[in-house]
Amino acid sequence: IPAMAAGAVSMGTFLLFAYTTPELNSANMRVARIDIAAVALLA
């Protein structure tokens, strides 16, 4: 539970920042897509 909470907060905040940042580069969008998949696995 603590590890999943830490992972969810870490990836969730990155996704929040990524999708509220205009003109993010393709490499960071790739990281965001990977995090979406990881958050789904974590859920």
All heavy atoms as atom14 arrays in JSON, in Angstrom:
{
  "sequence": "IPAMAAGAVSMGTFLLFAYTTPELNSANMRVARIDIAAVALLA",
  "atom14_mask": [
    [1, 1, 1, 1, 1, 1, 1, 1, 0, 0, 0, 0, 0, 0],
    [1, 1, 1, 1, 1, 1, 1, 0, 0, 0, 0, 0, 0, 0],
    [1, 1, 1, 1, 1, 0, 0, 0, 0, 0, 0, 0, 0, 0],
    [1, 1, 1, 1, 1, 1, 1, 1, 0, 0, 0, 0, 0, 0],
    [1, 1, 1, 1, 1, 0, 0, 0, 0, 0, 0, 0, 0, 0],
    [1, 1, 1, 1, 1, 0, 0, 0, 0, 0, 0, 0, 0, 0],
    [1, 1, 1, 1, 0, 0, 0, 0, 0, 0, 0, 0, 0, 0],
    [1, 1, 1, 1, 1, 0, 0, 0, 0, 0, 0, 0, 0, 0],
    [1, 1, 1, 1, 1, 1, 1, 0, 0, 0, 0, 0, 0, 0],
    [1, 1, 1, 1, 1, 1, 0, 0, 0, 0, 0, 0, 0, 0],
    [1, 1, 1, 1, 1, 1, 1, 1, 0, 0, 0, 0, 0, 0],
    [1, 1, 1, 1, 0, 0, 0, 0, 0, 0, 0, 0, 0, 0],
    [1, 1, 1, 1, 1, 1, 1, 0, 0, 0, 0, 0, 0, 0],
    [1, 1, 1, 1, 1, 1, 1, 1, 1, 1, 1, 0, 0, 0],
    [1, 1, 1, 1, 1, 1, 1, 1, 0, 0, 0, 0, 0, 0],
    [1, 1, 1, 1, 1, 1, 1, 1, 0, 0, 0, 0, 0, 0],
    [1, 1, 1, 1, 1, 1, 1, 1, 1, 1, 1, 0, 0, 0],
    [1, 1, 1, 1, 1, 0, 0, 0, 0, 0, 0, 0, 0, 0],
    [1, 1, 1, 1, 1, 1, 1, 1, 1, 1, 1, 1, 0, 0],
    [1, 1, 1, 1, 1, 1, 1, 0, 0, 0, 0, 0, 0, 0],
    [1, 1, 1, 1, 1, 1, 1, 0, 0, 0, 0, 0, 0, 0],
    [1, 1, 1, 1, 1, 1, 1, 0, 0, 0, 0, 0, 0, 0],
    [1, 1, 1, 1, 1, 1, 1, 1, 1, 0, 0, 0, 0, 0],
    [1, 1, 1, 1, 1, 1, 1, 1, 0, 0, 0, 0, 0, 0],
    [1, 1, 1, 1, 1, 1, 1, 1, 0, 0, 0, 0, 0, 0],
    [1, 1, 1, 1, 1, 1, 0, 0, 0, 0, 0, 0, 0, 0],
    [1, 1, 1, 1, 1, 0, 0, 0, 0, 0, 0, 0, 0, 0],
    [1, 1, 1, 1, 1, 1, 1, 1, 0, 0, 0, 0, 0, 0],
    [1, 1, 1, 1, 1, 1, 1, 1, 0, 0, 0, 0, 0, 0],
    [1, 1, 1, 1, 1, 1, 1, 1, 1, 1, 1, 0, 0, 0],
    [1, 1, 1, 1, 1, 1, 1, 0, 0, 0, 0, 0, 0, 0],
    [1, 1, 1, 1, 1, 0, 0, 0, 0, 0, 0, 0, 0, 0],
    [1, 1, 1, 1, 1, 1, 1, 1, 1, 1, 1, 0, 0, 0],
    [1, 1, 1, 1, 1, 1, 1, 1, 0, 0, 0, 0, 0, 0],
    [1, 1, 1, 1, 1, 1, 1, 1, 0, 0, 0, 0, 0, 0],
    [1, 1, 1, 1, 1, 1, 1, 1, 0, 0, 0, 0, 0, 0],
    [1, 1, 1, 1, 1, 0, 0, 0, 0, 0, 0, 0, 0, 0],
    [1, 1, 1, 1, 1, 0, 0, 0, 0, 0, 0, 0, 0, 0],
    [1, 1, 1, 1, 1, 1, 1, 0, 0, 0, 0, 0, 0, 0],
    [1, 1, 1, 1, 1, 0, 0, 0, 0, 0, 0, 0, 0, 0],
    [1, 1, 1, 1, 1, 1, 1, 1, 0, 0, 0, 0, 0, 0],
    [1, 1, 1, 1, 1, 1, 1, 1, 0, 0, 0, 0, 0, 0],
    [1, 1, 1, 1, 1, 0, 0, 0, 0, 0, 0, 0, 0, 0]
  ],
  "atom14_positions": [
    [[0.83, -1.21, 0.0], [0.0, 0.0, 0.0], [0.86, 1.26, 0.0], [0.64, 2.15, -0.83], [-1.04, -0.04, 1.14], [-2.06, -1.14, 0.8], [-1.71, 1.32, 1.32], [-3.09, -1.42, 1.84], [0.0, 0.0, 0.0], [0.0, 0.0, 0.0], [0.0, 0.0, 0.0], [0.0, 0.0, 0.0], [0.0, 0.0, 0.0], [0.0, 0.0, 0.0]],
    [[1.87, 1.38, 0.87], [2.69, 2.6, 0.8], [3.45, 2.74, -0.52], [3.56, 3.85, -1.06], [3.66, 2.48, 1.99], [3.34, 1.25, 2.71], [2.23, 0.54, 2.02], [0.0, 0.0, 0.0], [0.0, 0.0, 0.0], [0.0, 0.0, 0.0], [0.0, 0.0, 0.0], [0.0, 0.0, 0.0], [0.0, 0.0, 0.0], [0.0, 0.0, 0.0]],
    [[3.95, 1.65, -1.05], [4.69, 1.72, -2.32], [3.75, 2.09, -3.47], [4.12, 2.89, -4.34], [5.4, 0.4, -2.61], [0.0, 0.0, 0.0], [0.0, 0.0, 0.0], [0.0, 0.0, 0.0], [0.0, 0.0, 0.0], [0.0, 0.0, 0.0], [0.0, 0.0, 0.0], [0.0, 0.0, 0.0], [0.0, 0.0, 0.0], [0.0, 0.0, 0.0]],
    [[2.56, 1.52, -3.48], [1.61, 1.86, -4.54], [1.17, 3.31, -4.42], [1.01, 4.01, -5.44], [0.4, 0.92, -4.51], [0.73, -0.48, -4.98], [-0.72, -1.56, -5.17], [-1.45, -1.52, -3.55], [0.0, 0.0, 0.0], [0.0, 0.0, 0.0], [0.0, 0.0, 0.0], [0.0, 0.0, 0.0], [0.0, 0.0, 0.0], [0.0, 0.0, 0.0]],
    [[1.0, 3.8, -3.19], [0.64, 5.21, -3.0], [1.75, 6.12, -3.52], [1.48, 7.11, -4.22], [0.36, 5.49, -1.52], [0.0, 0.0, 0.0], [0.0, 0.0, 0.0], [0.0, 0.0, 0.0], [0.0, 0.0, 0.0], [0.0, 0.0, 0.0], [0.0, 0.0, 0.0], [0.0, 0.0, 0.0], [0.0, 0.0, 0.0], [0.0, 0.0, 0.0]],
    [[3.0, 5.79, -3.19], [4.13, 6.6, -3.67], [4.2, 6.58, -5.19], [4.41, 7.62, -5.83], [5.43, 6.09, -3.06], [0.0, 0.0, 0.0], [0.0, 0.0, 0.0], [0.0, 0.0, 0.0], [0.0, 0.0, 0.0], [0.0, 0.0, 0.0], [0.0, 0.0, 0.0], [0.0, 0.0, 0.0], [0.0, 0.0, 0.0], [0.0, 0.0, 0.0]],
    [[4.01, 5.41, -5.79], [4.03, 5.3, -7.24], [2.91, 6.1, -7.89], [3.12, 6.78, -8.9], [0.0, 0.0, 0.0], [0.0, 0.0, 0.0], [0.0, 0.0, 0.0], [0.0, 0.0, 0.0], [0.0, 0.0, 0.0], [0.0, 0.0, 0.0], [0.0, 0.0, 0.0], [0.0, 0.0, 0.0], [0.0, 0.0, 0.0], [0.0, 0.0, 0.0]],
    [[1.73, 6.01, -7.31], [0.57, 6.74, -7.86], [0.78, 8.25, -7.77], [0.5, 8.97, -8.73], [-0.7, 6.32, -7.13], [0.0, 0.0, 0.0], [0.0, 0.0, 0.0], [0.0, 0.0, 0.0], [0.0, 0.0, 0.0], [0.0, 0.0, 0.0], [0.0, 0.0, 0.0], [0.0, 0.0, 0.0], [0.0, 0.0, 0.0], [0.0, 0.0, 0.0]],
    [[1.29, 8.72, -6.65], [1.55, 10.16, -6.5], [2.63, 10.6, -7.47], [2.5, 11.62, -8.16], [1.95, 10.5, -5.04], [2.48, 11.92, -4.94], [0.76, 10.32, -4.12], [0.0, 0.0, 0.0], [0.0, 0.0, 0.0], [0.0, 0.0, 0.0], [0.0, 0.0, 0.0], [0.0, 0.0, 0.0], [0.0, 0.0, 0.0], [0.0, 0.0, 0.0]],
    [[3.71, 9.84, -7.57], [4.81, 10.19, -8.47], [4.36, 10.26, -9.93], [4.56, 11.27, -10.61], [5.94, 9.16, -8.31], [6.96, 9.41, -9.25], [0.0, 0.0, 0.0], [0.0, 0.0, 0.0], [0.0, 0.0, 0.0], [0.0, 0.0, 0.0], [0.0, 0.0, 0.0], [0.0, 0.0, 0.0], [0.0, 0.0, 0.0], [0.0, 0.0, 0.0]],
    [[3.75, 9.2, -10.4], [3.32, 9.17, -11.81], [2.13, 10.09, -12.05], [2.05, 10.74, -13.1], [3.02, 7.73, -12.23], [4.27, 6.88, -12.3], [3.93, 5.18, -12.81], [3.12, 4.52, -11.36], [0.0, 0.0, 0.0], [0.0, 0.0, 0.0], [0.0, 0.0, 0.0], [0.0, 0.0, 0.0], [0.0, 0.0, 0.0], [0.0, 0.0, 0.0]],
    [[1.24, 10.16, -11.09], [0.06, 11.03, -11.24], [0.44, 12.5, -11.35], [-0.12, 13.22, -12.18], [0.0, 0.0, 0.0], [0.0, 0.0, 0.0], [0.0, 0.0, 0.0], [0.0, 0.0, 0.0], [0.0, 0.0, 0.0], [0.0, 0.0, 0.0], [0.0, 0.0, 0.0], [0.0, 0.0, 0.0], [0.0, 0.0, 0.0], [0.0, 0.0, 0.0]],
    [[1.37, 12.94, -10.53], [1.77, 14.35, -10.62], [2.51, 14.63, -11.92], [2.31, 15.68, -12.53], [2.64, 14.79, -9.43], [3.77, 13.93, -9.3], [1.84, 14.8, -8.14], [0.0, 0.0, 0.0], [0.0, 0.0, 0.0], [0.0, 0.0, 0.0], [0.0, 0.0, 0.0], [0.0, 0.0, 0.0], [0.0, 0.0, 0.0], [0.0, 0.0, 0.0]],
    [[3.32, 13.67, -12.38], [3.98, 13.89, -13.67], [2.94, 14.02, -14.76], [3.03, 14.9, -15.63], [4.97, 12.77, -14.0], [5.62, 12.97, -15.34], [6.66, 13.88, -15.49], [5.17, 12.31, -16.47], [7.24, 14.12, -16.73], [5.74, 12.52, -17.71], [6.78, 13.44, -17.84], [0.0, 0.0, 0.0], [0.0, 0.0, 0.0], [0.0, 0.0, 0.0]],
    [[1.94, 13.15, -14.75], [0.89, 13.21, -15.77], [0.11, 14.53, -15.68], [-0.2, 15.14, -16.71], [-0.05, 12.02, -15.65], [0.57, 10.68, -16.07], [-0.34, 9.52, -15.7], [0.87, 10.69, -17.56], [0.0, 0.0, 0.0], [0.0, 0.0, 0.0], [0.0, 0.0, 0.0], [0.0, 0.0, 0.0], [0.0, 0.0, 0.0], [0.0, 0.0, 0.0]],
    [[-0.2, 14.97, -14.49], [-0.89, 16.25, -14.31], [-0.06, 17.38, -14.91], [-0.57, 18.2, -15.68], [-1.16, 16.51, -12.83], [-1.75, 17.88, -12.5], [-3.17, 18.0, -13.05], [-1.73, 18.12, -11.01], [0.0, 0.0, 0.0], [0.0, 0.0, 0.0], [0.0, 0.0, 0.0], [0.0, 0.0, 0.0], [0.0, 0.0, 0.0], [0.0, 0.0, 0.0]],
    [[1.22, 17.41, -14.57], [2.1, 18.46, -15.09], [2.25, 18.34, -16.6], [2.25, 19.34, -17.32], [3.46, 18.43, -14.42], [3.44, 18.7, -12.93], [4.45, 18.23, -12.12], [2.42, 19.42, -12.34], [4.46, 18.48, -10.76], [2.4, 19.68, -10.98], [3.42, 19.21, -10.18], [0.0, 0.0, 0.0], [0.0, 0.0, 0.0], [0.0, 0.0, 0.0]],
    [[2.4, 17.13, -17.09], [2.62, 16.92, -18.53], [1.42, 17.39, -19.34], [1.58, 18.05, -20.37], [2.92, 15.45, -18.82], [0.0, 0.0, 0.0], [0.0, 0.0, 0.0], [0.0, 0.0, 0.0], [0.0, 0.0, 0.0], [0.0, 0.0, 0.0], [0.0, 0.0, 0.0], [0.0, 0.0, 0.0], [0.0, 0.0, 0.0], [0.0, 0.0, 0.0]],
    [[0.24, 17.03, -18.9], [-0.95, 17.36, -19.68], [-1.47, 18.77, -19.44], [-2.41, 19.19, -20.1], [-2.02, 16.29, -19.49], [-1.63, 15.05, -20.26], [-1.05, 13.96, -19.63], [-1.77, 15.01, -21.65], [-0.65, 12.85, -20.35], [-1.37, 13.9, -22.38], [-0.81, 12.83, -21.72], [-0.4, 11.73, -22.44], [0.0, 0.0, 0.0], [0.0, 0.0, 0.0]],
    [[-0.85, 19.5, -18.53], [-1.2, 20.91, -18.35], [-0.08, 21.82, -18.83], [-0.13, 23.03, -18.61], [-1.55, 21.22, -16.88], [-0.44, 20.88, -16.05], [-2.8, 20.46, -16.45], [0.0, 0.0, 0.0], [0.0, 0.0, 0.0], [0.0, 0.0, 0.0], [0.0, 0.0, 0.0], [0.0, 0.0, 0.0], [0.0, 0.0, 0.0], [0.0, 0.0, 0.0]],
    [[0.93, 21.23, -19.46], [2.04, 22.0, -20.0], [1.9, 22.06, -21.52], [1.97, 21.01, -22.17], [3.4, 21.35, -19.62], [3.49, 21.29, -18.2], [4.56, 22.13, -20.18], [0.0, 0.0, 0.0], [0.0, 0.0, 0.0], [0.0, 0.0, 0.0], [0.0, 0.0, 0.0], [0.0, 0.0, 0.0], [0.0, 0.0, 0.0], [0.0, 0.0, 0.0]],
    [[1.72, 23.24, -22.05], [1.6, 23.33, -23.51], [2.93, 23.06, -24.2], [4.0, 23.32, -23.64], [1.14, 24.77, -23.75], [1.5, 25.51, -22.51], [1.58, 24.52, -21.4], [0.0, 0.0, 0.0], [0.0, 0.0, 0.0], [0.0, 0.0, 0.0], [0.0, 0.0, 0.0], [0.0, 0.0, 0.0], [0.0, 0.0, 0.0], [0.0, 0.0, 0.0]],
    [[2.84, 22.51, -25.39], [4.0, 22.3, -26.25], [5.09, 21.42, -25.64], [6.28, 21.69, -25.78], [4.58, 23.65, -26.7], [3.58, 24.49, -27.46], [4.15, 25.81, -27.9], [5.35, 25.88, -28.21], [3.37, 26.77, -27.95], [0.0, 0.0, 0.0], [0.0, 0.0, 0.0], [0.0, 0.0, 0.0], [0.0, 0.0, 0.0], [0.0, 0.0, 0.0]],
    [[4.68, 20.37, -24.97], [5.63, 19.41, -24.41], [6.29, 18.65, -25.56], [5.64, 18.33, -26.54], [4.87, 18.43, -23.5], [5.65, 17.73, -22.41], [6.25, 18.73, -21.44], [4.73, 16.78, -21.67], [0.0, 0.0, 0.0], [0.0, 0.0, 0.0], [0.0, 0.0, 0.0], [0.0, 0.0, 0.0], [0.0, 0.0, 0.0], [0.0, 0.0, 0.0]],
    [[7.58, 18.37, -25.43], [8.28, 17.68, -26.53], [7.86, 16.21, -26.61], [7.25, 15.66, -25.7], [9.8, 17.86, -26.43], [10.43, 17.08, -25.3], [9.97, 16.01, -24.92], [11.51, 17.6, -24.76], [0.0, 0.0, 0.0], [0.0, 0.0, 0.0], [0.0, 0.0, 0.0], [0.0, 0.0, 0.0], [0.0, 0.0, 0.0], [0.0, 0.0, 0.0]],
    [[8.2, 15.59, -27.72], [7.76, 14.21, -27.98], [8.36, 13.22, -26.99], [7.71, 12.22, -26.65], [8.08, 13.81, -29.41], [9.47, 13.84, -29.63], [0.0, 0.0, 0.0], [0.0, 0.0, 0.0], [0.0, 0.0, 0.0], [0.0, 0.0, 0.0], [0.0, 0.0, 0.0], [0.0, 0.0, 0.0], [0.0, 0.0, 0.0], [0.0, 0.0, 0.0]],
    [[9.57, 13.45, -26.54], [10.19, 12.53, -25.58], [9.42, 12.53, -24.26], [9.17, 11.47, -23.67], [11.65, 12.89, -25.35], [0.0, 0.0, 0.0], [0.0, 0.0, 0.0], [0.0, 0.0, 0.0], [0.0, 0.0, 0.0], [0.0, 0.0, 0.0], [0.0, 0.0, 0.0], [0.0, 0.0, 0.0], [0.0, 0.0, 0.0], [0.0, 0.0, 0.0]],
    [[9.03, 13.7, -23.8], [8.27, 13.77, -22.55], [6.84, 13.26, -22.73], [6.26, 12.7, -21.8], [8.29, 15.19, -21.98], [9.6, 15.46, -21.26], [10.02, 14.67, -20.43], [10.24, 16.55, -21.6], [0.0, 0.0, 0.0], [0.0, 0.0, 0.0], [0.0, 0.0, 0.0], [0.0, 0.0, 0.0], [0.0, 0.0, 0.0], [0.0, 0.0, 0.0]],
    [[6.27, 13.43, -23.91], [4.96, 12.83, -24.18], [5.06, 11.31, -24.17], [4.15, 10.63, -23.7], [4.39, 13.34, -25.51], [3.93, 14.79, -25.45], [2.72, 15.13, -24.14], [1.34, 14.15, -24.68], [0.0, 0.0, 0.0], [0.0, 0.0, 0.0], [0.0, 0.0, 0.0], [0.0, 0.0, 0.0], [0.0, 0.0, 0.0], [0.0, 0.0, 0.0]],
    [[6.19, 10.78, -24.66], [6.41, 9.32, -24.6], [6.46, 8.86, -23.15], [5.84, 7.86, -22.78], [7.71, 8.96, -25.33], [8.0, 7.45, -25.33], [9.39, 7.13, -25.87], [10.38, 7.54, -24.87], [11.4, 8.37, -25.1], [11.59, 8.88, -26.29], [12.23, 8.68, -24.13], [0.0, 0.0, 0.0], [0.0, 0.0, 0.0], [0.0, 0.0, 0.0]],
    [[7.16, 9.62, -22.3], [7.22, 9.29, -20.87], [5.81, 9.32, -20.28], [5.43, 8.42, -19.51], [8.16, 10.26, -20.12], [8.07, 10.06, -18.61], [9.6, 10.1, -20.6], [0.0, 0.0, 0.0], [0.0, 0.0, 0.0], [0.0, 0.0, 0.0], [0.0, 0.0, 0.0], [0.0, 0.0, 0.0], [0.0, 0.0, 0.0], [0.0, 0.0, 0.0]],
    [[5.01, 10.3, -20.67], [3.64, 10.4, -20.16], [2.81, 9.19, -20.59], [2.05, 8.64, -19.78], [2.99, 11.69, -20.64], [0.0, 0.0, 0.0], [0.0, 0.0, 0.0], [0.0, 0.0, 0.0], [0.0, 0.0, 0.0], [0.0, 0.0, 0.0], [0.0, 0.0, 0.0], [0.0, 0.0, 0.0], [0.0, 0.0, 0.0], [0.0, 0.0, 0.0]],
    [[2.95, 8.75, -21.83], [2.2, 7.58, -22.28], [2.62, 6.32, -21.52], [1.78, 5.48, -21.17], [2.37, 7.39, -23.79], [1.58, 8.4, -24.62], [1.56, 8.07, -26.09], [2.88, 8.07, -26.7], [3.51, 9.15, -27.18], [2.92, 10.33, -27.12], [4.7, 9.05, -27.73], [0.0, 0.0, 0.0], [0.0, 0.0, 0.0], [0.0, 0.0, 0.0]],
    [[3.9, 6.2, -21.25], [4.38, 5.06, -20.46], [3.8, 5.12, -19.05], [3.35, 4.11, -18.5], [5.93, 5.02, -20.43], [6.47, 4.68, -21.82], [6.43, 4.03, -19.38], [7.96, 4.91, -21.97], [0.0, 0.0, 0.0], [0.0, 0.0, 0.0], [0.0, 0.0, 0.0], [0.0, 0.0, 0.0], [0.0, 0.0, 0.0], [0.0, 0.0, 0.0]],
    [[3.76, 6.33, -18.48], [3.2, 6.48, -17.14], [1.7, 6.18, -17.11], [1.2, 5.64, -16.12], [3.48, 7.87, -16.58], [4.86, 7.98, -15.95], [5.63, 7.01, -16.01], [5.16, 9.05, -15.37], [0.0, 0.0, 0.0], [0.0, 0.0, 0.0], [0.0, 0.0, 0.0], [0.0, 0.0, 0.0], [0.0, 0.0, 0.0], [0.0, 0.0, 0.0]],
    [[0.98, 6.51, -18.17], [-0.44, 6.17, -18.23], [-0.6, 4.65, -18.14], [-1.44, 4.14, -17.37], [-1.1, 6.72, -19.51], [-1.24, 8.24, -19.42], [-2.48, 6.07, -19.74], [-1.64, 8.9, -20.73], [0.0, 0.0, 0.0], [0.0, 0.0, 0.0], [0.0, 0.0, 0.0], [0.0, 0.0, 0.0], [0.0, 0.0, 0.0], [0.0, 0.0, 0.0]],
    [[0.19, 3.93, -18.9], [0.13, 2.47, -18.86], [0.51, 1.95, -17.47], [-0.15, 1.05, -16.93], [1.05, 1.87, -19.92], [0.0, 0.0, 0.0], [0.0, 0.0, 0.0], [0.0, 0.0, 0.0], [0.0, 0.0, 0.0], [0.0, 0.0, 0.0], [0.0, 0.0, 0.0], [0.0, 0.0, 0.0], [0.0, 0.0, 0.0], [0.0, 0.0, 0.0]],
    [[1.54, 2.54, -16.87], [1.97, 2.08, -15.55], [0.92, 2.39, -14.49], [0.68, 1.56, -13.59], [3.3, 2.75, -15.18], [0.0, 0.0, 0.0], [0.0, 0.0, 0.0], [0.0, 0.0, 0.0], [0.0, 0.0, 0.0], [0.0, 0.0, 0.0], [0.0, 0.0, 0.0], [0.0, 0.0, 0.0], [0.0, 0.0, 0.0], [0.0, 0.0, 0.0]],
    [[0.27, 3.53, -14.59], [-0.81, 3.87, -13.64], [-1.97, 2.88, -13.8], [-2.57, 2.45, -12.8], [-1.27, 5.33, -13.81], [-2.58, 5.59, -13.08], [-0.19, 6.29, -13.32], [0.0, 0.0, 0.0], [0.0, 0.0, 0.0], [0.0, 0.0, 0.0], [0.0, 0.0, 0.0], [0.0, 0.0, 0.0], [0.0, 0.0, 0.0], [0.0, 0.0, 0.0]],
    [[-2.28, 2.5, -15.02], [-3.34, 1.51, -15.25], [-2.97, 0.17, -14.61], [-3.81, -0.47, -13.97], [-3.59, 1.34, -16.74], [0.0, 0.0, 0.0], [0.0, 0.0, 0.0], [0.0, 0.0, 0.0], [0.0, 0.0, 0.0], [0.0, 0.0, 0.0], [0.0, 0.0, 0.0], [0.0, 0.0, 0.0], [0.0, 0.0, 0.0], [0.0, 0.0, 0.0]],
    [[-1.71, -0.23, -14.76], [-1.26, -1.47, -14.13], [-1.31, -1.35, -12.61], [-1.7, -2.29, -11.91], [0.16, -1.82, -14.58], [0.34, -2.19, -16.05], [1.82, -2.4, -16.37], [-0.46, -3.44, -16.39], [0.0, 0.0, 0.0], [0.0, 0.0, 0.0], [0.0, 0.0, 0.0], [0.0, 0.0, 0.0], [0.0, 0.0, 0.0], [0.0, 0.0, 0.0]],
    [[-0.92, -0.19, -12.1], [-0.93, 0.04, -10.66], [-2.36, 0.03, -10.13], [-2.62, -0.53, -9.06], [-0.24, 1.37, -10.34], [0.22, 1.59, -8.92], [1.19, 0.51, -8.48], [0.87, 2.96, -8.8], [0.0, 0.0, 0.0], [0.0, 0.0, 0.0], [0.0, 0.0, 0.0], [0.0, 0.0, 0.0], [0.0, 0.0, 0.0], [0.0, 0.0, 0.0]],
    [[-3.3, 0.61, -10.86], [-4.7, 0.61, -10.44], [-5.25, -0.82, -10.42], [-5.96, -1.2, -9.48], [-5.53, 1.49, -11.38], [0.0, 0.0, 0.0], [0.0, 0.0, 0.0], [0.0, 0.0, 0.0], [0.0, 0.0, 0.0], [0.0, 0.0, 0.0], [0.0, 0.0, 0.0], [0.0, 0.0, 0.0], [0.0, 0.0, 0.0], [0.0, 0.0, 0.0]]
  ]
}
